[in-house]
């Protein structure tokens, strides 16, 4: 279980770093072939005039990534519960375990969707 969390955190960090690595542009050149300008685009979209906009964008992206990862975990639990139920071979304890996993995954997805809706509503109300 510990290694699962380490891998999840590593993948989350990697998704944050990929746009940064892809943001470097090639230099433009004149007829002489000498580079004139090198641009480095910000990793989270256009550079904002105020630092508050950048922070809001960053927080929004972090929430978006976190909800995506949690939703993926809930989907995996849903599939695992279905697999346990299907391979139970009539064992009542395994059937109950599989059903419980599916029920809790559905409850988790409902919580995730409601958290997204509440977060979007609050941010829209606060930021306009």
Protein backbone atom coordinates (compact mmCIF):
# COMPACT_ATOMS: atom_id res chain seq x y z
CA UNK A 1 0.00 0.00 0.00
CA UNK A 2 2.91 2.32 0.79
CA UNK A 3 4.44 1.78 -2.65
CA UNK A 4 1.07 2.55 -4.27
CA UNK A 5 0.99 5.97 -2.63
CA UNK A 6 4.61 6.66 -3.59
CA UNK A 7 3.90 5.78 -7.22
CA UNK A 8 0.72 7.92 -7.17
CA UNK A 9 2.60 10.93 -5.80
CA UNK A 10 5.39 10.45 -8.35
CA UNK A 11 2.90 10.34 -11.23
CA UNK A 12 1.14 13.44 -9.88
CA UNK A 13 4.46 15.31 -9.70
CA UNK A 14 5.33 14.14 -13.19
CA UNK A 15 2.08 15.53 -14.59
CA UNK A 16 2.99 18.88 -13.08
CA UNK A 17 6.46 18.85 -14.64
CA UNK A 18 5.61 17.74 -18.19
CA UNK A 19 4.07 21.10 -19.26
CA UNK A 20 7.18 22.85 -17.91
CA UNK A 21 9.47 20.71 -20.03
CA UNK A 22 7.36 21.27 -23.14
CA UNK A 23 7.16 25.04 -22.65
CA UNK A 24 10.62 25.80 -24.08
CA UNK A 25 10.37 27.20 -27.58
CA UNK A 26 12.96 27.22 -30.32
CA UNK A 27 14.84 30.45 -31.02
CA UNK A 28 13.80 32.56 -33.97
CA UNK A 29 16.49 33.44 -36.45
CA UNK A 30 17.08 36.02 -39.15
CA UNK A 31 18.50 35.48 -42.61
CA UNK A 32 21.99 35.27 -41.09
CA UNK A 33 21.03 32.24 -39.03
CA UNK A 34 21.93 33.92 -35.73
CA UNK A 35 19.31 33.39 -33.01
CA UNK A 36 17.75 36.65 -31.89
CA UNK A 37 15.35 35.71 -29.14
CA UNK A 38 14.58 32.71 -26.95
CA UNK A 39 11.17 32.58 -25.29
CA UNK A 40 10.27 30.53 -22.26
CA UNK A 41 6.52 30.19 -21.84
CA UNK A 42 5.10 29.87 -18.32
CA UNK A 43 4.02 26.30 -17.48
CA UNK A 44 0.44 27.24 -16.47
CA UNK A 45 -0.69 29.36 -19.41
CA UNK A 46 -0.03 33.01 -20.16
CA UNK A 47 1.87 35.10 -17.65
CA UNK A 48 -0.54 37.09 -15.53
CA UNK A 49 -0.18 40.77 -14.75
CA UNK A 50 -1.03 40.18 -11.10
CA UNK A 51 0.44 37.37 -9.00
CA UNK A 52 -3.04 36.62 -7.61
CA UNK A 53 -4.24 35.39 -11.00
CA UNK A 54 -1.27 33.04 -11.26
CA UNK A 55 -1.94 31.67 -7.77
CA UNK A 56 -5.62 31.17 -8.57
CA UNK A 57 -4.73 29.37 -11.78
CA UNK A 58 -2.22 27.20 -9.95
CA UNK A 59 -4.72 26.28 -7.22
CA UNK A 60 -7.34 25.49 -9.86
CA UNK A 61 -4.94 23.18 -11.70
CA UNK A 62 -3.95 21.43 -8.47
CA UNK A 63 -7.62 20.86 -7.58
CA UNK A 64 -8.27 19.59 -11.11
CA UNK A 65 -5.37 17.12 -10.96
CA UNK A 66 -6.28 15.97 -7.44
CA UNK A 67 -9.91 15.32 -8.37
CA UNK A 68 -8.78 13.43 -11.47
CA UNK A 69 -6.47 11.20 -9.47
CA UNK A 70 -9.07 10.55 -6.77
CA UNK A 71 -11.66 9.77 -9.43
CA UNK A 72 -9.28 7.31 -11.05
CA UNK A 73 -8.69 5.60 -7.71
CA UNK A 74 -12.46 5.34 -7.16
CA UNK A 75 -12.83 3.77 -10.62
CA UNK A 76 -10.12 1.22 -9.80
CA UNK A 77 -11.87 0.33 -6.54
CA UNK A 78 -15.15 -0.06 -8.46
CA UNK A 79 -13.50 -2.44 -10.92
CA UNK A 80 -11.74 -4.36 -8.12
CA UNK A 81 -15.04 -4.80 -6.28
CA UNK A 82 -16.66 -6.10 -9.45
CA UNK A 83 -13.78 -8.49 -10.02
CA UNK A 84 -14.00 -9.82 -6.44
CA UNK A 85 -17.74 -10.29 -6.82
CA UNK A 86 -17.38 -12.08 -10.16
CA UNK A 87 -14.65 -14.42 -8.90
CA UNK A 88 -16.37 -15.20 -5.59
CA UNK A 89 -17.58 -18.64 -6.79
CA UNK A 90 -20.64 -18.44 -4.52
CA UNK A 91 -18.69 -17.54 -1.37
CA UNK A 92 -21.05 -15.24 0.58
CA UNK A 93 -18.22 -13.37 2.31
CA UNK A 94 -16.49 -12.50 -0.97
CA UNK A 95 -19.80 -11.47 -2.56
CA UNK A 96 -20.49 -9.17 0.39
CA UNK A 97 -16.95 -7.79 0.20
CA UNK A 98 -17.28 -7.08 -3.52
CA UNK A 99 -20.67 -5.41 -3.08
CA UNK A 100 -19.33 -3.27 -0.25
CA UNK A 101 -16.40 -2.14 -2.40
CA UNK A 102 -18.77 -1.17 -5.22
CA UNK A 103 -21.12 0.69 -2.86
CA UNK A 104 -18.25 2.63 -1.26
CA UNK A 105 -16.78 3.43 -4.67
CA UNK A 106 -20.14 4.87 -5.79
CA UNK A 107 -20.36 6.88 -2.55
CA UNK A 108 -16.80 8.09 -3.13
CA UNK A 109 -17.64 9.17 -6.68
CA UNK A 110 -20.68 11.06 -5.37
CA UNK A 111 -18.45 12.83 -2.84
CA UNK A 112 -15.90 13.65 -5.55
CA UNK A 113 -18.54 15.09 -7.89
CA UNK A 114 -20.13 17.11 -5.11
CA UNK A 115 -16.72 18.40 -4.00
CA UNK A 116 -16.02 19.51 -7.55
CA UNK A 117 -19.40 21.22 -7.83
CA UNK A 118 -19.02 22.98 -4.47
CA UNK A 119 -15.47 24.09 -5.28
CA UNK A 120 -16.51 25.42 -8.68
CA UNK A 121 -19.50 27.24 -7.17
CA UNK A 122 -17.41 28.85 -4.42
CA UNK A 123 -14.60 29.88 -6.77
CA UNK A 124 -17.10 31.28 -9.27
CA UNK A 125 -18.88 33.22 -6.53
CA UNK A 126 -15.64 34.60 -5.09
CA UNK A 127 -13.84 35.37 -8.34
CA UNK A 128 -16.79 36.37 -10.47
